[in-house]
N, C-alpha and C. Protein backbone atom coordinates (compact mmCIF):
# COMPACT_ATOMS: atom_id res chain seq x y z
N UNK A 1 186.41 -165.00 67.46
CA UNK A 1 185.72 -164.18 66.75
C UNK A 1 184.04 -163.81 67.51
N UNK A 2 184.39 -162.52 67.77
CA UNK A 2 182.56 -162.31 68.21
C UNK A 2 181.54 -161.75 67.43
N UNK A 3 180.79 -161.35 67.67
CA UNK A 3 179.44 -161.01 66.82
C UNK A 3 179.70 -159.61 66.00
N UNK A 4 180.08 -158.82 67.02
CA UNK A 4 180.93 -157.38 66.06
C UNK A 4 181.58 -157.72 65.62
N UNK A 5 182.50 -158.65 65.50
CA UNK A 5 183.66 -158.72 64.52
C UNK A 5 183.29 -159.72 63.69
N UNK A 6 181.88 -160.48 63.48
CA UNK A 6 181.77 -161.37 62.42
C UNK A 6 180.73 -160.46 61.78
N UNK A 7 179.96 -159.74 62.30
CA UNK A 7 179.70 -158.70 61.49
C UNK A 7 180.46 -157.57 60.70
N UNK A 8 181.63 -157.21 61.68
CA UNK A 8 182.07 -156.30 60.72
C UNK A 8 182.76 -156.54 59.27
N UNK A 9 183.22 -158.29 59.27
CA UNK A 9 183.55 -159.02 58.72
C UNK A 9 182.85 -158.82 57.66
N UNK A 10 181.82 -159.45 57.99
CA UNK A 10 180.76 -159.42 56.86
C UNK A 10 180.24 -157.91 56.13
N UNK A 11 180.00 -156.78 56.58
CA UNK A 11 179.96 -155.43 56.14
C UNK A 11 181.42 -155.19 55.69
N UNK A 12 182.86 -155.34 55.24
CA UNK A 12 183.86 -155.15 54.57
C UNK A 12 183.74 -155.91 53.21
N UNK A 13 182.97 -157.30 53.17
CA UNK A 13 182.69 -158.26 52.51
C UNK A 13 181.80 -157.58 51.22
N UNK A 14 180.50 -156.09 51.98
CA UNK A 14 179.85 -155.92 51.20
C UNK A 14 180.19 -155.08 50.46
N UNK A 15 180.99 -154.33 50.91
CA UNK A 15 181.55 -152.76 50.97
C UNK A 15 182.20 -153.15 49.66
N UNK A 16 183.77 -154.47 49.68
CA UNK A 16 184.04 -155.09 48.50
C UNK A 16 183.14 -155.32 47.03
N UNK A 17 181.80 -155.85 47.98
CA UNK A 17 180.74 -156.28 46.47
C UNK A 17 180.60 -154.87 45.71
N UNK A 18 180.50 -153.91 46.98
CA UNK A 18 179.81 -152.29 45.73
C UNK A 18 180.66 -151.73 45.19
N UNK A 19 181.91 -152.45 45.47
CA UNK A 19 183.50 -151.91 44.26
C UNK A 19 183.08 -152.86 43.12
N UNK A 20 182.33 -153.83 43.28
CA UNK A 20 182.47 -154.83 41.97
C UNK A 20 180.46 -154.89 41.15
N UNK A 21 180.73 -154.33 40.65
CA UNK A 21 179.19 -154.12 40.12
C UNK A 21 178.12 -154.70 39.66
N UNK A 22 179.27 -155.61 38.59
CA UNK A 22 178.76 -157.43 38.17
C UNK A 22 178.36 -158.30 39.56
N UNK A 23 179.07 -158.92 40.78
CA UNK A 23 179.29 -159.18 41.15
C UNK A 23 178.28 -158.77 42.21
N UNK A 24 178.31 -157.48 42.94
CA UNK A 24 176.91 -156.87 43.29
C UNK A 24 175.06 -157.11 43.10
N UNK A 25 174.98 -157.24 41.67
CA UNK A 25 174.36 -157.29 40.55
C UNK A 25 173.97 -158.33 41.06
N UNK A 26 174.26 -158.88 40.69
CA UNK A 26 174.59 -161.07 41.22
C UNK A 26 174.01 -161.16 42.53
N UNK A 27 174.91 -160.57 43.56
CA UNK A 27 174.67 -160.96 45.00
C UNK A 27 172.85 -160.10 45.50
N UNK A 28 172.78 -158.64 44.40
CA UNK A 28 171.85 -158.40 45.14
C UNK A 28 170.08 -159.06 44.11
N UNK A 29 170.35 -159.55 42.97
CA UNK A 29 169.04 -160.82 42.60
C UNK A 29 168.97 -161.71 43.12
N UNK A 30 170.34 -162.22 43.63
CA UNK A 30 170.17 -163.56 44.40
C UNK A 30 169.58 -163.40 45.77
N UNK A 31 169.21 -162.33 46.25
CA UNK A 31 168.57 -162.22 47.44
C UNK A 31 167.68 -161.60 47.88
N UNK A 32 167.12 -161.12 46.29
CA UNK A 32 165.97 -160.38 45.89
C UNK A 32 165.49 -159.58 46.85
N UNK A 33 167.25 -158.63 46.25
CA UNK A 33 167.14 -156.31 47.21
C UNK A 33 167.10 -156.05 46.00
N UNK A 34 167.03 -154.55 46.15
CA UNK A 34 167.11 -153.55 45.48
C UNK A 34 167.68 -152.73 46.09
N UNK A 35 169.14 -152.18 45.39
CA UNK A 35 169.86 -150.87 45.74
C UNK A 35 168.84 -150.14 47.03
N UNK A 36 168.56 -149.84 46.87
CA UNK A 36 167.11 -148.96 47.14
C UNK A 36 167.29 -149.37 48.80
N UNK A 37 166.55 -150.86 48.67
CA UNK A 37 166.37 -151.91 50.34
C UNK A 37 167.93 -152.18 50.67
N UNK A 38 169.42 -151.93 50.65
CA UNK A 38 170.54 -152.67 50.52
C UNK A 38 170.99 -152.10 51.70
N UNK A 39 170.47 -151.33 52.50
CA UNK A 39 171.64 -150.42 53.11
C UNK A 39 170.15 -150.69 54.88
N UNK A 40 168.87 -150.65 54.07
CA UNK A 40 167.49 -151.20 55.66
C UNK A 40 168.47 -153.00 56.18
N UNK A 41 168.98 -153.40 54.90
CA UNK A 41 169.08 -154.70 55.40
C UNK A 41 170.38 -155.44 56.11
N UNK A 42 170.86 -154.65 55.48
CA UNK A 42 172.49 -154.40 56.03
C UNK A 42 172.80 -154.62 57.64
N UNK A 43 171.18 -154.21 58.78
CA UNK A 43 171.81 -153.65 59.58
C UNK A 43 170.75 -155.24 60.40
N UNK A 44 170.47 -156.18 59.62
CA UNK A 44 170.13 -157.52 60.12
C UNK A 44 171.15 -158.57 59.74
N UNK A 45 171.27 -159.34 61.14
CA UNK A 45 172.50 -160.35 61.02
C UNK A 45 171.82 -161.54 59.93
N UNK A 46 170.61 -161.92 59.74
CA UNK A 46 170.34 -162.78 58.75
C UNK A 46 170.96 -162.41 57.77
N UNK A 47 170.57 -161.42 56.51
CA UNK A 47 171.27 -160.27 55.47
C UNK A 47 173.18 -161.13 55.86
N UNK A 48 173.36 -160.46 56.66
CA UNK A 48 175.47 -160.28 57.15
C UNK A 48 175.47 -161.89 57.01
N UNK A 49 174.99 -162.93 57.38
CA UNK A 49 175.22 -164.13 57.43
C UNK A 49 174.86 -164.73 55.75
N UNK A 50 174.50 -163.99 55.41
CA UNK A 50 173.82 -164.29 53.38
C UNK A 50 175.20 -163.75 53.12
N UNK A 51 175.81 -162.52 52.77
CA UNK A 51 177.10 -162.02 52.29
C UNK A 51 177.89 -162.21 52.52
N UNK A 52 178.22 -162.86 53.89
CA UNK A 52 179.26 -164.26 53.90
C UNK A 52 179.07 -165.32 53.32
N UNK A 53 177.79 -166.13 52.77
CA UNK A 53 177.35 -167.41 52.27
C UNK A 53 177.56 -166.64 51.02
N UNK A 54 177.38 -166.17 50.69
CA UNK A 54 177.86 -165.68 48.73
C UNK A 54 179.36 -165.89 48.42
N UNK A 55 180.17 -165.53 49.18
CA UNK A 55 181.26 -165.43 49.49
C UNK A 55 182.00 -167.07 48.88
N UNK A 56 181.37 -167.98 50.74
CA UNK A 56 181.83 -168.64 50.72
C UNK A 56 181.41 -169.86 49.36
N UNK A 57 180.04 -168.99 48.63
CA UNK A 57 179.99 -170.23 47.46
C UNK A 57 180.64 -170.10 46.61
N UNK A 58 181.27 -168.57 46.10
CA UNK A 58 181.49 -168.09 45.32
C UNK A 58 183.42 -168.10 45.89
N UNK A 59 184.28 -169.23 45.47
CA UNK A 59 186.02 -169.14 46.08
C UNK A 59 186.61 -168.16 45.20
N UNK A 60 186.60 -167.58 43.92
CA UNK A 60 187.26 -167.02 43.64
C UNK A 60 187.01 -165.53 44.04
N UNK A 61 186.06 -164.85 44.09
CA UNK A 61 185.72 -163.75 44.84
C UNK A 61 186.37 -164.11 46.01
N UNK A 62 185.91 -164.83 46.72
CA UNK A 62 186.41 -164.79 48.61
C UNK A 62 187.95 -165.04 48.11
N UNK A 63 188.63 -165.46 47.70
CA UNK A 63 189.90 -165.71 47.78
C UNK A 63 190.68 -164.02 46.77
N UNK A 64 190.32 -163.43 46.14
CA UNK A 64 190.65 -161.94 45.95
C UNK A 64 190.17 -161.44 47.15
N UNK A 65 188.93 -161.33 47.57
CA UNK A 65 188.46 -160.15 48.84
C UNK A 65 189.57 -160.72 49.73
N UNK A 66 190.03 -161.40 50.41
CA UNK A 66 191.05 -162.23 50.97
C UNK A 66 192.53 -161.60 50.98
N UNK A 67 192.91 -162.26 49.71
CA UNK A 67 193.62 -161.20 49.51
C UNK A 67 194.35 -159.98 49.77
N UNK A 68 193.18 -159.03 49.21
CA UNK A 68 192.96 -157.70 49.44
C UNK A 68 193.20 -157.67 50.87
N UNK A 69 192.10 -157.68 51.82
CA UNK A 69 192.05 -157.91 52.84
C UNK A 69 192.35 -158.55 53.70
N UNK A 70 193.34 -158.99 53.16
CA UNK A 70 194.53 -159.83 54.34
C UNK A 70 193.86 -160.68 55.12
N UNK A 71 193.00 -161.19 54.75
CA UNK A 71 191.82 -161.87 55.67
C UNK A 71 191.87 -163.74 55.62
N UNK A 72 191.64 -164.18 56.74
CA UNK A 72 192.21 -165.50 55.93
C UNK A 72 190.70 -166.26 55.72
N UNK A 73 191.08 -166.75 55.01
CA UNK A 73 189.18 -166.87 54.41
C UNK A 73 188.58 -168.53 55.16
N UNK A 74 189.13 -169.07 56.08
CA UNK A 74 188.19 -169.71 57.60
C UNK A 74 187.34 -169.14 57.70
N UNK A 75 187.46 -167.59 58.39
CA UNK A 75 187.00 -166.38 59.06
C UNK A 75 185.98 -166.60 58.49
N UNK A 76 185.16 -166.55 57.27
CA UNK A 76 184.24 -166.47 56.84
C UNK A 76 182.99 -167.89 57.68
N UNK A 77 183.37 -168.87 57.65
CA UNK A 77 182.71 -169.31 57.74
C UNK A 77 182.24 -169.08 59.78
N UNK A 78 183.28 -169.28 60.14
CA UNK A 78 183.47 -168.43 61.34
C UNK A 78 181.79 -167.73 61.89
N UNK A 79 182.64 -166.67 61.07
CA UNK A 79 181.57 -165.42 60.93
C UNK A 79 180.31 -165.76 61.01
N UNK A 80 180.06 -166.33 59.91
CA UNK A 80 178.92 -166.86 59.78
C UNK A 80 178.16 -168.05 60.77
N UNK A 81 178.59 -168.77 60.99
CA UNK A 81 178.30 -169.56 62.05
C UNK A 81 177.78 -168.49 63.32
N UNK A 82 178.61 -167.43 63.51
CA UNK A 82 178.24 -166.69 65.09
C UNK A 82 176.95 -165.94 64.07
N UNK A 83 177.07 -165.92 62.67
CA UNK A 83 175.56 -164.57 62.76
C UNK A 83 174.71 -165.52 62.91
N UNK A 84 174.47 -166.68 62.51
CA UNK A 84 173.25 -167.53 62.27
C UNK A 84 173.00 -167.60 63.63
N UNK A 85 173.64 -167.61 64.87
CA UNK A 85 173.47 -168.35 66.21
C UNK A 85 172.54 -166.76 66.27
N UNK A 86 172.88 -165.91 65.89
CA UNK A 86 172.32 -164.14 66.57
C UNK A 86 171.02 -164.43 65.72
N UNK A 87 171.08 -165.04 64.63
CA UNK A 87 169.56 -165.10 64.03
C UNK A 87 168.65 -165.84 64.74
N UNK A 88 168.93 -167.23 65.48
CA UNK A 88 168.10 -167.84 65.96
C UNK A 88 167.34 -167.47 66.67
């Protein structure tokens, strides 16, 4: 997995969250963001890593996403590692 693939996974996960208003609200509250700032934040690798972390800390949400998107859950950890490297 490269940085582009890691970013795409995080963006797909964020789009999934957008379809789950309750989860999106919880995520935004934890991230300290509002709906008006999410688009700007999405361009930041640190924010995208946070999206992946949110899923990794919520196994039921992670498994639903992975089943729908046909993605292995282990890819979240790999993508997060890559995005963490981009932040440093």
